[in-house]
Amino acid sequence: MIEVADAVVRFEQSTRSLLDILDGVSEGAWRLRPAGEAWSLAETVEHVVLTDRSISALLPHLLAAPLPVDASRFDDSAICAEMFEAAGPAPPGLAEPKGRYATRAEGIGALVEVRDELVAWVRAATTDLRAHGLPHPAFGLFDGVQWILFAAAHSDNHLPQLRALRGHAEPLS
């Protein structure tokens, strides 16, 4: 099982990967939605921010949801970007972007802010996050550490999309 500190590092690394792709993106590229693409860079980042905010808001509720000792556990190693391939489309309206971030700076600021909030909450937690859990709407029961791993996996899932979107407008340097 992955330790909470390792899950936090994993989440920070995934967010850093997103930020690295967005480094130097022009405002035009930020808003561009190429033909055939579901979202722009701005919309994809907004979706990730909304998902991370949902997780950050959910984490305090874990403390009221102790897991029975014999509770069936999701396999930590299965919480990765590939888990989304078999999951099918997300439920309608779940973390759906609405154009909240008109500028790249706003989107990046929101991404950094939610990362910092989530990490601060986890580091300040004084309870065993493995002993508490809540269900994910598509994947089943996650304990507290697995929710952090899920946030990282979700970000990683969107990395190829962000690279492709950026490549439409501006080649990566």
Protein backbone atom coordinates (compact mmCIF):
# COMPACT_ATOMS: atom_id res chain seq x y z
CA MET A 1 0.00 0.00 0.00
CA ILE A 2 1.17 3.48 -0.84
CA GLU A 3 1.86 5.78 2.11
CA VAL A 4 0.06 9.11 2.41
CA ALA A 5 3.29 11.12 1.96
CA ASP A 6 4.03 9.24 -1.28
CA ALA A 7 0.49 9.89 -2.53
CA VAL A 8 0.96 13.61 -1.87
CA VAL A 9 4.25 13.62 -3.78
CA ARG A 10 2.54 11.79 -6.64
CA PHE A 11 -0.25 14.41 -6.71
CA GLU A 12 2.25 17.28 -6.63
CA GLN A 13 4.21 15.70 -9.50
CA SER A 14 1.09 15.29 -11.63
CA THR A 15 0.11 18.91 -11.06
CA ARG A 16 3.68 19.98 -11.91
CA SER A 17 3.39 18.07 -15.20
CA LEU A 18 0.24 20.01 -16.06
CA LEU A 19 1.91 23.30 -15.20
CA ASP A 20 4.95 22.41 -17.30
CA ILE A 21 2.78 21.82 -20.37
CA LEU A 22 1.05 25.17 -19.82
CA ASP A 23 4.29 27.09 -19.37
CA GLY A 24 4.56 29.78 -22.03
CA VAL A 25 1.17 29.08 -23.63
CA SER A 26 -0.18 32.20 -25.36
CA GLU A 27 -3.61 33.56 -24.51
CA GLY A 28 -4.77 32.62 -28.01
CA ALA A 29 -3.68 29.02 -27.56
CA TRP A 30 -5.26 28.98 -24.09
CA ARG A 31 -8.74 29.57 -25.53
CA LEU A 32 -8.37 27.69 -28.84
CA ARG A 33 -10.57 24.64 -29.30
CA PRO A 34 -9.39 22.88 -32.44
CA ALA A 35 -11.93 21.17 -34.67
CA GLY A 36 -12.74 17.73 -33.35
CA GLU A 37 -11.59 18.48 -29.81
CA ALA A 38 -14.04 18.47 -26.92
CA TRP A 39 -12.25 21.15 -24.89
CA SER A 40 -9.65 23.90 -25.12
CA LEU A 41 -6.62 24.11 -22.82
CA ALA A 42 -8.64 26.50 -20.63
CA GLU A 43 -11.59 24.11 -20.42
CA THR A 44 -9.39 21.09 -19.70
CA VAL A 45 -7.60 22.93 -16.89
CA GLU A 46 -10.95 24.09 -15.51
CA HIS A 47 -12.18 20.49 -15.50
CA VAL A 48 -9.08 19.36 -13.58
CA VAL A 49 -9.47 22.23 -11.10
CA LEU A 50 -13.15 21.39 -10.56
CA THR A 51 -12.31 17.74 -9.97
CA ASP A 52 -9.52 18.61 -7.53
CA ARG A 53 -11.85 21.03 -5.71
CA SER A 54 -14.45 18.28 -5.39
CA ILE A 55 -11.85 15.98 -3.89
CA SER A 56 -10.58 18.72 -1.58
CA ALA A 57 -14.15 19.39 -0.40
CA LEU A 58 -14.80 15.67 0.08
CA LEU A 59 -11.71 14.89 2.16
CA PRO A 60 -12.97 16.43 5.44
CA HIS A 61 -16.10 14.25 5.16
CA LEU A 62 -13.87 11.16 5.26
CA LEU A 63 -13.41 11.65 8.98
CA ALA A 64 -17.08 10.80 9.50
CA ALA A 65 -16.82 7.67 7.33
CA PRO A 66 -14.71 5.02 9.07
CA LEU A 67 -14.11 1.89 7.03
CA PRO A 68 -14.80 -1.50 8.56
CA VAL A 69 -11.58 -3.45 9.07
CA ASP A 70 -12.73 -6.06 6.54
CA ALA A 71 -13.90 -3.52 3.92
CA SER A 72 -13.11 -4.43 0.34
CA ARG A 73 -10.29 -2.17 -0.87
CA PHE A 74 -9.59 -0.75 -4.29
CA ASP A 75 -6.10 -1.74 -5.46
CA ASP A 76 -3.73 1.24 -5.20
CA SER A 77 -1.83 0.13 -8.29
CA ALA A 78 -5.04 0.29 -10.35
CA ILE A 79 -5.44 4.00 -9.60
CA CYS A 80 -3.66 5.38 -12.65
CA ALA A 81 -4.41 7.29 -15.85
CA GLU A 82 -5.30 4.04 -17.62
CA MET A 83 -8.26 3.43 -15.28
CA PHE A 84 -10.21 6.04 -17.23
CA GLU A 85 -9.98 4.14 -20.52
CA ALA A 86 -12.31 1.39 -19.34
CA ALA A 87 -14.55 3.66 -17.29
CA GLY A 88 -16.51 5.15 -20.17
CA PRO A 89 -17.68 8.74 -20.24
CA ALA A 90 -18.02 10.70 -17.02
CA PRO A 91 -21.54 11.28 -15.71
CA PRO A 92 -23.09 14.36 -17.38
CA GLY A 93 -22.33 17.63 -15.63
CA LEU A 94 -19.55 16.15 -13.48
CA ALA A 95 -16.78 18.78 -13.31
CA GLU A 96 -18.00 20.25 -16.58
CA PRO A 97 -16.11 23.40 -17.64
CA LYS A 98 -18.13 26.60 -18.04
CA GLY A 99 -15.44 29.08 -19.11
CA ARG A 100 -14.48 30.29 -15.65
CA TYR A 101 -10.86 31.12 -16.54
CA ALA A 102 -10.59 33.69 -19.30
CA THR A 103 -6.84 33.96 -18.98
CA ARG A 104 -4.04 31.47 -18.60
CA ALA A 105 -2.97 33.20 -15.37
CA GLU A 106 -6.43 32.68 -13.85
CA GLY A 107 -6.46 28.98 -14.75
CA ILE A 108 -2.94 28.35 -13.53
CA GLY A 109 -3.65 30.31 -10.36
CA ALA A 110 -6.72 28.18 -9.66
CA LEU A 111 -4.78 24.96 -10.35
CA VAL A 112 -1.99 25.97 -7.95
CA GLU A 113 -4.47 27.14 -5.32
CA VAL A 114 -6.46 23.90 -5.26
CA ARG A 115 -3.26 21.81 -5.25
CA ASP A 116 -1.96 23.76 -2.26
CA GLU A 117 -5.30 23.46 -0.41
CA LEU A 118 -5.51 19.72 -0.93
CA VAL A 119 -1.90 19.12 0.07
CA ALA A 120 -2.21 21.35 3.15
CA TRP A 121 -5.31 19.50 4.34
CA VAL A 122 -3.68 16.10 3.89
CA ARG A 123 -0.47 17.14 5.65
CA ALA A 124 -2.46 18.59 8.56
CA ALA A 125 -4.66 15.49 8.93
CA THR A 126 -4.05 13.75 12.23
CA THR A 127 -6.10 10.64 11.51
CA ASP A 128 -5.24 7.56 9.48
CA LEU A 129 -6.62 8.34 6.03
CA ARG A 130 -6.53 4.62 5.19
CA ALA A 131 -9.11 4.01 7.93
CA HIS A 132 -11.73 6.23 6.29
CA GLY A 133 -13.37 6.10 2.89
CA LEU A 134 -16.11 7.33 0.62
CA PRO A 135 -17.39 6.05 -2.72
CA HIS A 136 -16.41 7.50 -6.07
CA PRO A 137 -19.43 7.71 -8.43
CA ALA A 138 -17.78 5.55 -11.11
CA PHE A 139 -14.99 3.56 -9.46
CA GLY A 140 -16.31 2.51 -6.07
CA LEU A 141 -14.95 2.92 -2.57
CA PHE A 142 -11.69 4.85 -2.12
CA ASP A 143 -9.97 5.43 1.19
CA GLY A 144 -8.40 8.82 1.92
CA VAL A 145 -5.02 8.00 0.40
CA GLN A 146 -6.69 6.60 -2.69
CA TRP A 147 -8.61 9.83 -3.22
CA ILE A 148 -5.24 11.62 -3.42
CA LEU A 149 -3.94 8.99 -5.83
CA PHE A 150 -7.12 9.44 -7.87
CA ALA A 151 -6.52 13.21 -8.12
CA ALA A 152 -3.03 12.47 -9.49
CA ALA A 153 -4.32 9.83 -11.91
CA HIS A 154 -7.03 12.16 -13.14
CA SER A 155 -4.49 14.88 -13.89
CA ASP A 156 -2.24 12.35 -15.61
CA ASN A 157 -5.19 11.21 -17.71
CA HIS A 158 -5.46 14.71 -19.17
CA LEU A 159 -1.73 15.17 -19.95
CA PRO A 160 -1.91 13.69 -23.48
CA GLN A 161 -4.96 15.83 -24.21
CA LEU A 162 -3.17 18.99 -23.06
CA ARG A 163 -0.08 18.13 -25.11
CA ALA A 164 -2.21 17.58 -28.20
CA LEU A 165 -4.14 20.81 -27.68
CA ARG A 166 -0.95 22.76 -27.21
CA GLY A 167 0.54 21.12 -30.29
CA HIS A 168 -2.40 22.35 -32.40
CA ALA A 169 -1.60 25.96 -31.59
CA GLU A 170 2.03 26.08 -30.50
CA PRO A 171 4.67 23.37 -30.62
CA LEU A 172 6.10 22.45 -27.21
CA SER A 173 9.56 23.88 -26.75
